[in-house]
Each structure stands twice: as C-alpha cells, then as structure tokens.
C-alpha cells in the first residue's frame, strides 16, 4: 500500500505539473532518499501472522517500531533546506532527487528492471 500510494502520488503530481504549467502553476515532485526521522515510531508491539513475508525480520521491525533503531539518512533539517530552493519561487517545477541514497535510487529505478529494484523489499 505504501509503495503503491507513492507511485500514484508521483504520477498524479507529474500530470498536474504538465496540465498546470500553461497557467503559471508549478508542481515539483520531490523524490526523497532516506531521511533520518522517527515517523515510524509508535511504541507498540508488532504483530505478524506466522506466514507473513516479514516474519523473518520481525525483530528488526520491532526495533524500528519502538524507536530502538537509530534513524539513518539525511537529517530532517538538512533535507528541508535542500528542497526549499527546489519548491519556492516562480518557474520551479519538475522532478528533483534529494537526500541520502537518492542518487543511487535514481540510477537503479532508471536502469534496472523493476523486478530487481523491488525484489529485495519483499523477501
């Protein structure tokens, strides 16, 4: 669901960018790399079915859910400073890649088969 919603939002934003450009409205799609935030901390118990594809990494997921894992990537403040120039001002628009690992992600998604890019996230 998470990945599908990101893809849908990216597609929608690209369409808006093209359709609104003649009216002077800019739309910027920010393709974010890893950002060191605690967005996923919920201090709850992770409950997975025994046959879940994520059962083998339950302990890792639990550490993220409780905040035990250290966030990695670009600091939130640094990321905000990176993208503010991309989105503020007249004539801005398009797709920008910002944050840790975003360059690698751009390369991989542009040149590797989709099955290669997503296969590691499902095992």
PDB file of N, CA and C in Angstrom:
ATOM      1  N   UNK A   1       0.827  -1.192   0.000  1.00  0.00           N
ATOM      2  CA  UNK A   1       0.000   0.000   0.000  1.00  0.00           C
ATOM      3  C   UNK A   1       0.873   1.258   0.000  1.00  0.00           C
ATOM      4  N   UNK A   2       1.930   1.242   0.813  1.00  0.00           N
ATOM      5  CA  UNK A   2       2.795   2.409   0.924  1.00  0.00           C
ATOM      6  C   UNK A   2       3.437   2.741  -0.422  1.00  0.00           C
ATOM      7  N   UNK A   3       4.025   1.741  -1.059  1.00  0.00           N
ATOM      8  CA  UNK A   3       4.704   1.952  -2.326  1.00  0.00           C
ATOM      9  C   UNK A   3       3.713   2.321  -3.423  1.00  0.00           C
ATOM     10  N   UNK A   4       2.559   1.670  -3.428  1.00  0.00           N
ATOM     11  CA  UNK A   4       1.548   1.967  -4.439  1.00  0.00           C
ATOM     12  C   UNK A   4       1.037   3.400  -4.293  1.00  0.00           C
ATOM     13  N   UNK A   5       0.858   3.856  -3.068  1.00  0.00           N
ATOM     14  CA  UNK A   5       0.378   5.224  -2.872  1.00  0.00           C
ATOM     15  C   UNK A   5       1.432   6.243  -3.286  1.00  0.00           C
ATOM     16  N   UNK A   6       2.710   5.935  -3.066  1.00  0.00           N
ATOM     17  CA  UNK A   6       3.783   6.830  -3.509  1.00  0.00           C
ATOM     18  C   UNK A   6       3.811   6.911  -5.035  1.00  0.00           C
ATOM     19  N   UNK A   7       3.662   5.781  -5.697  1.00  0.00           N
ATOM     20  CA  UNK A   7       3.658   5.765  -7.162  1.00  0.00           C
ATOM     21  C   UNK A   7       2.461   6.540  -7.709  1.00  0.00           C
ATOM     22  N   UNK A   8       1.318   6.359  -7.087  1.00  0.00           N
ATOM     23  CA  UNK A   8       0.114   7.081  -7.530  1.00  0.00           C
ATOM     24  C   UNK A   8       0.276   8.590  -7.341  1.00  0.00           C
ATOM     25  N   UNK A   9       0.820   9.001  -6.213  1.00  0.00           N
ATOM     26  CA  UNK A   9       1.023  10.425  -5.948  1.00  0.00           C
ATOM     27  C   UNK A   9       2.042  11.023  -6.914  1.00  0.00           C
ATOM     28  N   UNK A  10       3.090  10.279  -7.231  1.00  0.00           N
ATOM     29  CA  UNK A  10       4.081  10.751  -8.194  1.00  0.00           C
ATOM     30  C   UNK A  10       3.451  10.928  -9.573  1.00  0.00           C
ATOM     31  N   UNK A  11       2.684   9.953 -10.001  1.00  0.00           N
ATOM     32  CA  UNK A  11       2.019  10.034 -11.299  1.00  0.00           C
ATOM     33  C   UNK A  11       1.034  11.198 -11.340  1.00  0.00           C
ATOM     34  N   UNK A  12       0.253  11.353 -10.298  1.00  0.00           N
ATOM     35  CA  UNK A  12      -0.716  12.451 -10.204  1.00  0.00           C
ATOM     36  C   UNK A  12       0.006  13.801 -10.253  1.00  0.00           C
ATOM     37  N   UNK A  13       1.112  13.923  -9.512  1.00  0.00           N
ATOM     38  CA  UNK A  13       1.875  15.169  -9.474  1.00  0.00           C
ATOM     39  C   UNK A  13       2.480  15.499 -10.833  1.00  0.00           C
ATOM     40  N   UNK A  14       3.006  14.502 -11.526  1.00  0.00           N
ATOM     41  CA  UNK A  14       3.562  14.723 -12.859  1.00  0.00           C
ATOM     42  C   UNK A  14       2.477  15.206 -13.824  1.00  0.00           C
ATOM     43  N   UNK A  15       1.282  14.631 -13.721  1.00  0.00           N
ATOM     44  CA  UNK A  15       0.174  15.053 -14.565  1.00  0.00           C
ATOM     45  C   UNK A  15      -0.221  16.495 -14.248  1.00  0.00           C
ATOM     46  N   UNK A  16      -0.327  16.810 -12.964  1.00  0.00           N
ATOM     47  CA  UNK A  16      -0.644  18.189 -12.574  1.00  0.00           C
ATOM     48  C   UNK A  16       0.408  19.167 -13.087  1.00  0.00           C
ATOM     49  N   UNK A  17       1.668  18.785 -12.983  1.00  0.00           N
ATOM     50  CA  UNK A  17       2.757  19.651 -13.443  1.00  0.00           C
ATOM     51  C   UNK A  17       2.578  20.011 -14.909  1.00  0.00           C
ATOM     52  N   UNK A  18       2.271  19.016 -15.732  1.00  0.00           N
ATOM     53  CA  UNK A  18       2.107  19.251 -17.167  1.00  0.00           C
ATOM     54  C   UNK A  18       0.835  20.034 -17.472  1.00  0.00           C
ATOM     55  N   UNK A  19      -0.241  19.735 -16.781  1.00  0.00           N
ATOM     56  CA  UNK A  19      -1.514  20.394 -17.066  1.00  0.00           C
ATOM     57  C   UNK A  19      -1.584  21.824 -16.529  1.00  0.00           C
ATOM     58  N   UNK A  20      -0.884  22.109 -15.445  1.00  0.00           N
ATOM     59  CA  UNK A  20      -0.968  23.440 -14.839  1.00  0.00           C
ATOM     60  C   UNK A  20       0.119  24.404 -15.305  1.00  0.00           C
ATOM     61  N   UNK A  21       1.146  23.896 -15.957  1.00  0.00           N
ATOM     62  CA  UNK A  21       2.242  24.758 -16.415  1.00  0.00           C
ATOM     63  C   UNK A  21       1.767  25.921 -17.294  1.00  0.00           C
ATOM     64  N   UNK A  22       0.832  25.716 -18.223  1.00  0.00           N
ATOM     65  CA  UNK A  22       0.380  26.845 -19.047  1.00  0.00           C
ATOM     66  C   UNK A  22      -0.287  27.973 -18.243  1.00  0.00           C
ATOM     67  N   UNK A  23      -0.700  27.671 -17.019  1.00  0.00           N
ATOM     68  CA  UNK A  23      -1.350  28.677 -16.174  1.00  0.00           C
ATOM     69  C   UNK A  23      -0.378  29.309 -15.181  1.00  0.00           C
ATOM     70  N   UNK A  24       0.904  28.974 -15.310  1.00  0.00           N
ATOM     71  CA  UNK A  24       1.913  29.540 -14.419  1.00  0.00           C
ATOM     72  C   UNK A  24       1.993  28.872 -13.060  1.00  0.00           C
ATOM     73  N   UNK A  25       1.377  27.705 -12.932  1.00  0.00           N
ATOM     74  CA  UNK A  25       1.406  26.973 -11.663  1.00  0.00           C
ATOM     75  C   UNK A  25       2.496  25.906 -11.753  1.00  0.00           C
ATOM     76  N   UNK A  26       3.398  25.921 -10.811  1.00  0.00           N
ATOM     77  CA  UNK A  26       4.487  24.956 -10.790  1.00  0.00           C
ATOM     78  C   UNK A  26       4.179  23.816  -9.827  1.00  0.00           C
ATOM     79  N   UNK A  27       4.532  22.623 -10.220  1.00  0.00           N
ATOM     80  CA  UNK A  27       4.410  21.451  -9.365  1.00  0.00           C
ATOM     81  C   UNK A  27       5.773  20.769  -9.348  1.00  0.00           C
ATOM     82  N   UNK A  28       6.295  20.525  -8.163  1.00  0.00           N
ATOM     83  CA  UNK A  28       7.585  19.878  -8.006  1.00  0.00           C
ATOM     84  C   UNK A  28       7.374  18.516  -7.355  1.00  0.00           C
ATOM     85  N   UNK A  29       7.945  17.490  -7.936  1.00  0.00           N
ATOM     86  CA  UNK A  29       7.907  16.155  -7.356  1.00  0.00           C
ATOM     87  C   UNK A  29       9.259  15.921  -6.698  1.00  0.00           C
ATOM     88  N   UNK A  30       9.257  15.786  -5.381  1.00  0.00           N
ATOM     89  CA  UNK A  30      10.493  15.554  -4.643  1.00  0.00           C
ATOM     90  C   UNK A  30      10.640  14.052  -4.423  1.00  0.00           C
ATOM     91  N   UNK A  31      11.675  13.482  -5.013  1.00  0.00           N
ATOM     92  CA  UNK A  31      11.978  12.070  -4.854  1.00  0.00           C
ATOM     93  C   UNK A  31      13.001  11.984  -3.720  1.00  0.00           C
ATOM     94  N   UNK A  32      12.525  11.660  -2.552  1.00  0.00           N
ATOM     95  CA  UNK A  32      13.360  11.699  -1.347  1.00  0.00           C
ATOM     96  C   UNK A  32      14.141  10.411  -1.148  1.00  0.00           C
ATOM     97  N   UNK A  33      15.395  10.591  -0.789  1.00  0.00           N
ATOM     98  CA  UNK A  33      16.201   9.459  -0.345  1.00  0.00           C
ATOM     99  C   UNK A  33      15.848   9.182   1.109  1.00  0.00           C
ATOM    100  N   UNK A  34      16.765   8.580   1.832  1.00  0.00           N
ATOM    101  CA  UNK A  34      16.485   8.292   3.232  1.00  0.00           C
ATOM    102  C   UNK A  34      16.655   9.560   4.066  1.00  0.00           C
ATOM    103  N   UNK A  35      15.687   9.774   4.949  1.00  0.00           N
ATOM    104  CA  UNK A  35      15.697  10.928   5.845  1.00  0.00           C
ATOM    105  C   UNK A  35      15.624  10.390   7.271  1.00  0.00           C
ATOM    106  N   UNK A  36      16.526  10.855   8.117  1.00  0.00           N
ATOM    107  CA  UNK A  36      16.610  10.360   9.499  1.00  0.00           C
ATOM    108  C   UNK A  36      15.499  10.978  10.340  1.00  0.00           C
ATOM    109  N   UNK A  37      14.349  10.357  10.285  1.00  0.00           N
ATOM    110  CA  UNK A  37      13.211  10.842  11.073  1.00  0.00           C
ATOM    111  C   UNK A  37      12.631   9.686  11.878  1.00  0.00           C
ATOM    112  N   UNK A  38      11.814  10.014  12.814  1.00  0.00           N
ATOM    113  CA  UNK A  38      11.197   8.996  13.667  1.00  0.00           C
ATOM    114  C   UNK A  38       9.722   8.838  13.321  1.00  0.00           C
ATOM    115  N   UNK A  39       9.386   8.965  12.060  1.00  0.00           N
ATOM    116  CA  UNK A  39       7.995   8.909  11.641  1.00  0.00           C
ATOM    117  C   UNK A  39       7.331   7.574  11.943  1.00  0.00           C
ATOM    118  N   UNK A  40       8.120   6.535  12.025  1.00  0.00           N
ATOM    119  CA  UNK A  40       7.543   5.208  12.197  1.00  0.00           C
ATOM    120  C   UNK A  40       7.543   4.711  13.641  1.00  0.00           C
ATOM    121  N   UNK A  41       7.920   5.558  14.584  1.00  0.00           N
ATOM    122  CA  UNK A  41       7.939   5.141  15.987  1.00  0.00           C
ATOM    123  C   UNK A  41       6.509   5.183  16.535  1.00  0.00           C
ATOM    124  N   UNK A  42       6.026   4.055  17.000  1.00  0.00           N
ATOM    125  CA  UNK A  42       4.679   4.030  17.575  1.00  0.00           C
ATOM    126  C   UNK A  42       4.642   3.360  18.941  1.00  0.00           C
ATOM    127  N   UNK A  43       5.814   2.912  19.420  1.00  0.00           N
ATOM    128  CA  UNK A  43       5.914   2.290  20.743  1.00  0.00           C
ATOM    129  C   UNK A  43       4.917   1.165  20.954  1.00  0.00           C
ATOM    130  N   UNK A  44       4.624   0.445  19.909  1.00  0.00           N
ATOM    131  CA  UNK A  44       3.673  -0.650  20.022  1.00  0.00           C
ATOM    132  C   UNK A  44       4.314  -1.991  19.733  1.00  0.00           C
ATOM    133  N   UNK A  45       3.586  -3.017  20.018  1.00  0.00           N
ATOM    134  CA  UNK A  45       4.029  -4.380  19.752  1.00  0.00           C
ATOM    135  C   UNK A  45       3.715  -4.719  18.299  1.00  0.00           C
ATOM    136  N   UNK A  46       4.693  -5.216  17.574  1.00  0.00           N
ATOM    137  CA  UNK A  46       4.490  -5.614  16.193  1.00  0.00           C
ATOM    138  C   UNK A  46       3.867  -6.997  16.181  1.00  0.00           C
ATOM    139  N   UNK A  47       2.728  -7.098  15.545  1.00  0.00           N
ATOM    140  CA  UNK A  47       2.025  -8.376  15.456  1.00  0.00           C
ATOM    141  C   UNK A  47       1.995  -8.818  14.008  1.00  0.00           C
ATOM    142  N   UNK A  48       2.599  -9.961  13.760  1.00  0.00           N
ATOM    143  CA  UNK A  48       2.642 -10.515  12.416  1.00  0.00           C
ATOM    144  C   UNK A  48       2.104 -11.939  12.427  1.00  0.00           C
ATOM    145  N   UNK A  49       1.439 -12.307  11.368  1.00  0.00           N
ATOM    146  CA  UNK A  49       0.999 -13.687  11.229  1.00  0.00           C
ATOM    147  C   UNK A  49       2.235 -14.554  11.000  1.00  0.00           C
ATOM    148  N   UNK A  50       2.210 -15.801  11.458  1.00  0.00           N
ATOM    149  CA  UNK A  50       3.369 -16.681  11.283  1.00  0.00           C
ATOM    150  C   UNK A  50       3.791 -16.855   9.823  1.00  0.00           C
ATOM    151  N   UNK A  51       2.834 -16.783   8.890  1.00  0.00           N
ATOM    152  CA  UNK A  51       3.169 -16.955   7.477  1.00  0.00           C
ATOM    153  C   UNK A  51       3.426 -15.625   6.758  1.00  0.00           C
ATOM    154  N   UNK A  52       3.556 -14.534   7.516  1.00  0.00           N
ATOM    155  CA  UNK A  52       3.832 -13.226   6.921  1.00  0.00           C
ATOM    156  C   UNK A  52       5.195 -13.244   6.236  1.00  0.00           C
ATOM    157  N   UNK A  53       5.278 -12.567   5.113  1.00  0.00           N
ATOM    158  CA  UNK A  53       6.572 -12.478   4.418  1.00  0.00           C
ATOM    159  C   UNK A  53       7.581 -11.694   5.239  1.00  0.00           C
ATOM    160  N   UNK A  54       7.123 -10.987   6.270  1.00  0.00           N
ATOM    161  CA  UNK A  54       8.008 -10.195   7.119  1.00  0.00           C
ATOM    162  C   UNK A  54       8.346 -10.895   8.440  1.00  0.00           C
ATOM    163  N   UNK A  55       7.866 -12.116   8.629  1.00  0.00           N
ATOM    164  CA  UNK A  55       8.100 -12.837   9.882  1.00  0.00           C
ATOM    165  C   UNK A  55       9.584 -13.023  10.185  1.00  0.00           C
ATOM    166  N   UNK A  56      10.402 -13.222   9.173  1.00  0.00           N
ATOM    167  CA  UNK A  56      11.827 -13.457   9.400  1.00  0.00           C
ATOM    168  C   UNK A  56      12.567 -12.205   9.880  1.00  0.00           C
ATOM    169  N   UNK A  57      11.981 -11.033   9.677  1.00  0.00           N
ATOM    170  CA  UNK A  57      12.630  -9.798  10.126  1.00  0.00           C
ATOM    171  C   UNK A  57      11.792  -9.078  11.180  1.00  0.00           C
ATOM    172  N   UNK A  58      10.970  -9.824  11.883  1.00  0.00           N
ATOM    173  CA  UNK A  58      10.098  -9.247  12.900  1.00  0.00           C
ATOM    174  C   UNK A  58      10.869  -8.440  13.942  1.00  0.00           C
ATOM    175  N   UNK A  59      12.014  -8.957  14.397  1.00  0.00           N
ATOM    176  CA  UNK A  59      12.800  -8.258  15.413  1.00  0.00           C
ATOM    177  C   UNK A  59      13.311  -6.908  14.911  1.00  0.00           C
ATOM    178  N   UNK A  60      13.704  -6.850  13.658  1.00  0.00           N
ATOM    179  CA  UNK A  60      14.153  -5.581  13.072  1.00  0.00           C
ATOM    180  C   UNK A  60      12.995  -4.595  13.020  1.00  0.00           C
ATOM    181  N   UNK A  61      11.846  -5.049  12.580  1.00  0.00           N
ATOM    182  CA  UNK A  61      10.656  -4.192  12.512  1.00  0.00           C
ATOM    183  C   UNK A  61      10.287  -3.699  13.905  1.00  0.00           C
ATOM    184  N   UNK A  62      10.377  -4.583  14.894  1.00  0.00           N
ATOM    185  CA  UNK A  62      10.055  -4.214  16.266  1.00  0.00           C
ATOM    186  C   UNK A  62      10.975  -3.096  16.768  1.00  0.00           C
ATOM    187  N   UNK A  63      12.254  -3.174  16.435  1.00  0.00           N
ATOM    188  CA  UNK A  63      13.191  -2.128  16.864  1.00  0.00           C
ATOM    189  C   UNK A  63      12.831  -0.780  16.246  1.00  0.00           C
ATOM    190  N   UNK A  64      12.419  -0.776  14.988  1.00  0.00           N
ATOM    191  CA  UNK A  64      12.000   0.484  14.358  1.00  0.00           C
ATOM    192  C   UNK A  64      10.720   0.990  15.000  1.00  0.00           C
ATOM    193  N   UNK A  65       9.793   0.089  15.287  1.00  0.00           N
ATOM    194  CA  UNK A  65       8.504   0.495  15.847  1.00  0.00           C
ATOM    195  C   UNK A  65       8.622   1.075  17.246  1.00  0.00           C
ATOM    196  N   UNK A  66       9.604   0.633  17.996  1.00  0.00           N
ATOM    197  CA  UNK A  66       9.758   1.123  19.364  1.00  0.00           C
ATOM    198  C   UNK A  66      10.796   2.230  19.493  1.00  0.00           C
ATOM    199  N   UNK A  67      11.456   2.561  18.389  1.00  0.00           N
ATOM    200  CA  UNK A  67      12.455   3.624  18.431  1.00  0.00           C
ATOM    201  C   UNK A  67      13.837   3.161  18.847  1.00  0.00           C
ATOM    202  N   UNK A  68      14.048   1.861  19.002  1.00  0.00           N
ATOM    203  CA  UNK A  68      15.365   1.345  19.373  1.00  0.00           C
ATOM    204  C   UNK A  68      16.374   1.491  18.234  1.00  0.00           C
ATOM    205  N   UNK A  69      15.897   1.398  17.004  1.00  0.00           N
ATOM    206  CA  UNK A  69      16.787   1.537  15.848  1.00  0.00           C
ATOM    207  C   UNK A  69      17.078   3.021  15.633  1.00  0.00           C
ATOM    208  N   UNK A  70      18.288   3.309  15.287  1.00  0.00           N
ATOM    209  CA  UNK A  70      18.686   4.695  15.039  1.00  0.00           C
ATOM    210  C   UNK A  70      18.307   5.083  13.607  1.00  0.00           C
ATOM    211  N   UNK A  71      17.574   6.187  13.450  1.00  0.00           N
ATOM    212  CA  UNK A  71      17.248   6.637  12.091  1.00  0.00           C
ATOM    213  C   UNK A  71      18.523   6.959  11.310  1.00  0.00           C
ATOM    214  N   UNK A  72      18.531   6.617  10.039  1.00  0.00           N
ATOM    215  CA  UNK A  72      19.689   6.889   9.188  1.00  0.00           C
ATOM    216  C   UNK A  72      19.263   7.796   8.038  1.00  0.00           C
ATOM    217  N   UNK A  73      20.245   8.407   7.414  1.00  0.00           N
ATOM    218  CA  UNK A  73      19.956   9.246   6.265  1.00  0.00           C
ATOM    219  C   UNK A  73      20.227  10.707   6.554  1.00  0.00           C
ATOM    220  N   UNK A  74      19.707  11.549   5.703  1.00  0.00           N
ATOM    221  CA  UNK A  74      19.870  12.993   5.823  1.00  0.00           C
ATOM    222  C   UNK A  74      19.064  13.506   7.003  1.00  0.00           C
ATOM    223  N   UNK A  75      19.648  14.400   7.784  1.00  0.00           N
ATOM    224  CA  UNK A  75      18.908  14.998   8.900  1.00  0.00           C
ATOM    225  C   UNK A  75      17.705  15.754   8.349  1.00  0.00           C
ATOM    226  N   UNK A  76      16.618  15.738   9.117  1.00  0.00           N
ATOM    227  CA  UNK A  76      15.370  16.357   8.687  1.00  0.00           C
ATOM    228  C   UNK A  76      15.588  17.829   8.310  1.00  0.00           C
ATOM    229  N   UNK A  77      16.296  18.565   9.149  1.00  0.00           N
ATOM    230  CA  UNK A  77      16.529  19.984   8.891  1.00  0.00           C
ATOM    231  C   UNK A  77      17.329  20.197   7.613  1.00  0.00           C
ATOM    232  N   UNK A  78      18.346  19.350   7.403  1.00  0.00           N
ATOM    233  CA  UNK A  78      19.158  19.454   6.200  1.00  0.00           C
ATOM    234  C   UNK A  78      18.340  19.139   4.951  1.00  0.00           C
ATOM    235  N   UNK A  79      17.470  18.133   5.055  1.00  0.00           N
ATOM    236  CA  UNK A  79      16.616  17.775   3.923  1.00  0.00           C
ATOM    237  C   UNK A  79      15.683  18.935   3.577  1.00  0.00           C
ATOM    238  N   UNK A  80      15.096  19.539   4.594  1.00  0.00           N
ATOM    239  CA  UNK A  80      14.190  20.679   4.361  1.00  0.00           C
ATOM    240  C   UNK A  80      14.933  21.808   3.655  1.00  0.00           C
ATOM    241  N   UNK A  81      16.152  22.080   4.087  1.00  0.00           N
ATOM    242  CA  UNK A  81      16.941  23.130   3.444  1.00  0.00           C
ATOM    243  C   UNK A  81      17.277  22.781   1.995  1.00  0.00           C
ATOM    244  N   UNK A  82      17.464  21.494   1.720  1.00  0.00           N
ATOM    245  CA  UNK A  82      17.766  21.066   0.349  1.00  0.00           C
ATOM    246  C   UNK A  82      16.595  21.341  -0.590  1.00  0.00           C
ATOM    247  N   UNK A  83      15.396  21.030  -0.133  1.00  0.00           N
ATOM    248  CA  UNK A  83      14.249  21.098  -1.042  1.00  0.00           C
ATOM    249  C   UNK A  83      13.574  22.462  -1.087  1.00  0.00           C
ATOM    250  N   UNK A  84      13.808  23.316  -0.113  1.00  0.00           N
ATOM    251  CA  UNK A  84      13.104  24.600  -0.113  1.00  0.00           C
ATOM    252  C   UNK A  84      13.430  25.403  -1.366  1.00  0.00           C
ATOM    253  N   UNK A  85      14.672  25.398  -1.802  1.00  0.00           N
ATOM    254  CA  UNK A  85      15.033  26.124  -3.019  1.00  0.00           C
ATOM    255  C   UNK A  85      14.417  25.488  -4.266  1.00  0.00           C
ATOM    256  N   UNK A  86      14.166  24.185  -4.202  1.00  0.00           N
ATOM    257  CA  UNK A  86      13.568  23.493  -5.343  1.00  0.00           C
ATOM    258  C   UNK A  86      12.092  23.820  -5.507  1.00  0.00           C
ATOM    259  N   UNK A  87      11.417  24.137  -4.415  1.00  0.00           N
ATOM    260  CA  UNK A  87       9.963  24.293  -4.489  1.00  0.00           C
ATOM    261  C   UNK A  87       9.462  25.720  -4.337  1.00  0.00           C
ATOM    262  N   UNK A  88      10.315  26.630  -3.891  1.00  0.00           N
ATOM    263  CA  UNK A  88       9.874  28.008  -3.678  1.00  0.00           C
ATOM    264  C   UNK A  88      10.365  28.876  -4.825  1.00  0.00           C
ATOM    265  N   UNK A  89       9.475  29.659  -5.344  1.00  0.00           N
ATOM    266  CA  UNK A  89       9.864  30.604  -6.382  1.00  0.00           C
ATOM    267  C   UNK A  89       9.183  30.330  -7.701  1.00  0.00           C
ATOM    268  N   UNK A  90       9.114  31.349  -8.492  1.00  0.00           N
ATOM    269  CA  UNK A  90       8.460  31.264  -9.789  1.00  0.00           C
ATOM    270  C   UNK A  90       9.294  30.433 -10.759  1.00  0.00           C
ATOM    271  N   UNK A  91       8.615  29.663 -11.560  1.00  0.00           N
ATOM    272  CA  UNK A  91       9.298  28.893 -12.578  1.00  0.00           C
ATOM    273  C   UNK A  91       9.894  27.582 -12.106  1.00  0.00           C
ATOM    274  N   UNK A  92       9.643  27.204 -10.870  1.00  0.00           N
ATOM    275  CA  UNK A  92      10.153  25.926 -10.379  1.00  0.00           C
ATOM    276  C   UNK A  92       9.251  24.815 -10.892  1.00  0.00           C
ATOM    277  N   UNK A  93       9.768  23.660 -11.004  1.00  0.00           N
ATOM    278  CA  UNK A  93       8.946  22.540 -11.439  1.00  0.00           C
ATOM    279  C   UNK A  93       9.797  21.366 -11.859  1.00  0.00           C
ATOM    280  N   UNK A  94       9.154  20.241 -12.014  1.00  0.00           N
ATOM    281  CA  UNK A  94       9.848  19.039 -12.436  1.00  0.00           C
ATOM    282  C   UNK A  94      10.040  18.061 -11.296  1.00  0.00           C
ATOM    283  N   UNK A  95      10.970  17.183 -11.491  1.00  0.00           N
ATOM    284  CA  UNK A  95      11.265  16.146 -10.505  1.00  0.00           C
ATOM    285  C   UNK A  95      12.679  16.379  -9.989  1.00  0.00           C
ATOM    286  N   UNK A  96      12.825  16.415  -8.672  1.00  0.00           N
ATOM    287  CA  UNK A  96      14.139  16.587  -8.063  1.00  0.00           C
ATOM    288  C   UNK A  96      14.410  15.415  -7.129  1.00  0.00           C
ATOM    289  N   UNK A  97      15.671  15.041  -7.048  1.00  0.00           N
ATOM    290  CA  UNK A  97      16.106  13.917  -6.217  1.00  0.00           C
ATOM    291  C   UNK A  97      16.971  14.488  -5.109  1.00  0.00           C
ATOM    292  N   UNK A  98      16.550  14.342  -3.865  1.00  0.00           N
ATOM    293  CA  UNK A  98      17.274  14.916  -2.732  1.00  0.00           C
ATOM    294  C   UNK A  98      17.353  13.923  -1.581  1.00  0.00           C
ATOM    295  N   UNK A  99      18.415  14.045  -0.781  1.00  0.00           N
ATOM    296  CA  UNK A  99      18.589  13.220   0.406  1.00  0.00           C
ATOM    297  C   UNK A  99      19.540  12.062   0.172  1.00  0.00           C
ATOM    298  N   UNK A 100      19.934  11.457   1.274  1.00  0.00           N
ATOM    299  CA  UNK A 100      20.869  10.329   1.229  1.00  0.00           C
ATOM    300  C   UNK A 100      20.315   9.205   0.357  1.00  0.00           C
ATOM    301  N   UNK A 101      21.152   8.631  -0.452  1.00  0.00           N
ATOM    302  CA  UNK A 101      20.835   7.497  -1.323  1.00  0.00           C
ATOM    303  C   UNK A 101      19.933   7.861  -2.505  1.00  0.00           C
ATOM    304  N   UNK A 102      19.528   9.122  -2.657  1.00  0.00           N
ATOM    305  CA  UNK A 102      18.614   9.462  -3.751  1.00  0.00           C
ATOM    306  C   UNK A 102      19.276   9.301  -5.115  1.00  0.00           C
ATOM    307  N   UNK A 103      20.564   9.585  -5.211  1.00  0.00           N
ATOM    308  CA  UNK A 103      21.265   9.399  -6.483  1.00  0.00           C
ATOM    309  C   UNK A 103      21.312   7.942  -6.889  1.00  0.00           C
ATOM    310  N   UNK A 104      21.577   7.078  -5.932  1.00  0.00           N
ATOM    311  CA  UNK A 104      21.582   5.639  -6.198  1.00  0.00           C
ATOM    312  C   UNK A 104      20.188   5.173  -6.607  1.00  0.00           C
ATOM    313  N   UNK A 105      19.185   5.641  -5.887  1.00  0.00           N
ATOM    314  CA  UNK A 105      17.807   5.270  -6.199  1.00  0.00           C
ATOM    315  C   UNK A 105      17.429   5.733  -7.603  1.00  0.00           C
ATOM    316  N   UNK A 106      17.857   6.932  -7.966  1.00  0.00           N
ATOM    317  CA  UNK A 106      17.564   7.449  -9.306  1.00  0.00           C
ATOM    318  C   UNK A 106      18.191   6.548 -10.371  1.00  0.00           C
ATOM    319  N   UNK A 107      19.434   6.154 -10.156  1.00  0.00           N
ATOM    320  CA  UNK A 107      20.109   5.281 -11.109  1.00  0.00           C
ATOM    321  C   UNK A 107      19.410   3.921 -11.205  1.00  0.00           C
ATOM    322  N   UNK A 108      19.156   3.328 -10.055  1.00  0.00           N
ATOM    323  CA  UNK A 108      18.576   1.983 -10.036  1.00  0.00           C
ATOM    324  C   UNK A 108      17.192   1.970 -10.672  1.00  0.00           C
ATOM    325  N   UNK A 109      16.354   2.942 -10.343  1.00  0.00           N
ATOM    326  CA  UNK A 109      14.999   2.952 -10.901  1.00  0.00           C
ATOM    327  C   UNK A 109      14.997   3.294 -12.382  1.00  0.00           C
ATOM    328  N   UNK A 110      16.049   3.962 -12.856  1.00  0.00           N
ATOM    329  CA  UNK A 110      16.102   4.320 -14.259  1.00  0.00           C
ATOM    330  C   UNK A 110      16.712   3.266 -15.162  1.00  0.00           C
ATOM    331  N   UNK A 111      17.579   2.422 -14.605  1.00  0.00           N
ATOM    332  CA  UNK A 111      18.320   1.494 -15.442  1.00  0.00           C
ATOM    333  C   UNK A 111      18.125   0.014 -15.125  1.00  0.00           C
ATOM    334  N   UNK A 112      17.627  -0.276 -13.955  1.00  0.00           N
ATOM    335  CA  UNK A 112      17.465  -1.682 -13.576  1.00  0.00           C
ATOM    336  C   UNK A 112      16.024  -2.134 -13.817  1.00  0.00           C
ATOM    337  N   UNK A 113      15.831  -3.405 -14.099  1.00  0.00           N
ATOM    338  CA  UNK A 113      14.471  -3.922 -14.245  1.00  0.00           C
ATOM    339  C   UNK A 113      13.694  -3.753 -12.937  1.00  0.00           C
ATOM    340  N   UNK A 114      12.411  -3.507 -13.052  1.00  0.00           N
ATOM    341  CA  UNK A 114      11.574  -3.314 -11.871  1.00  0.00           C
ATOM    342  C   UNK A 114      11.674  -4.502 -10.930  1.00  0.00           C
ATOM    343  N   UNK A 115      11.740  -5.709 -11.463  1.00  0.00           N
ATOM    344  CA  UNK A 115      11.821  -6.900 -10.609  1.00  0.00           C
ATOM    345  C   UNK A 115      13.075  -6.880  -9.743  1.00  0.00           C
ATOM    346  N   UNK A 116      14.166  -6.304 -10.253  1.00  0.00           N
ATOM    347  CA  UNK A 116      15.402  -6.209  -9.477  1.00  0.00           C
ATOM    348  C   UNK A 116      15.267  -5.163  -8.372  1.00  0.00           C
ATOM    349  N   UNK A 117      14.640  -4.055  -8.681  1.00  0.00           N
ATOM    350  CA  UNK A 117      14.513  -2.947  -7.725  1.00  0.00           C
ATOM    351  C   UNK A 117      13.636  -3.332  -6.545  1.00  0.00           C
ATOM    352  N   UNK A 118      12.513  -3.997  -6.800  1.00  0.00           N
ATOM    353  CA  UNK A 118      11.574  -4.296  -5.720  1.00  0.00           C
ATOM    354  C   UNK A 118      11.768  -5.664  -5.087  1.00  0.00           C
ATOM    355  N   UNK A 119      12.566  -6.536  -5.682  1.00  0.00           N
ATOM    356  CA  UNK A 119      12.664  -7.899  -5.159  1.00  0.00           C
ATOM    357  C   UNK A 119      13.228  -7.939  -3.740  1.00  0.00           C
ATOM    358  N   UNK A 120      14.174  -7.096  -3.433  1.00  0.00           N
ATOM    359  CA  UNK A 120      14.786  -7.106  -2.102  1.00  0.00           C
ATOM    360  C   UNK A 120      13.863  -6.608  -1.019  1.00  0.00           C
ATOM    361  N   UNK A 121      12.819  -5.874  -1.378  1.00  0.00           N
ATOM    362  CA  UNK A 121      11.923  -5.336  -0.358  1.00  0.00           C
ATOM    363  C   UNK A 121      10.831  -6.309   0.023  1.00  0.00           C
ATOM    364  N   UNK A 122      10.719  -7.407  -0.691  1.00  0.00           N
ATOM    365  CA  UNK A 122       9.618  -8.339  -0.441  1.00  0.00           C
ATOM    366  C   UNK A 122      10.066  -9.661   0.155  1.00  0.00           C
ATOM    367  N   UNK A 123      11.345  -9.836   0.386  1.00  0.00           N
ATOM    368  CA  UNK A 123      11.800 -11.127   0.888  1.00  0.00           C
ATOM    369  C   UNK A 123      12.141 -11.056   2.354  1.00  0.00           C
TER     370      UNK A 123
END
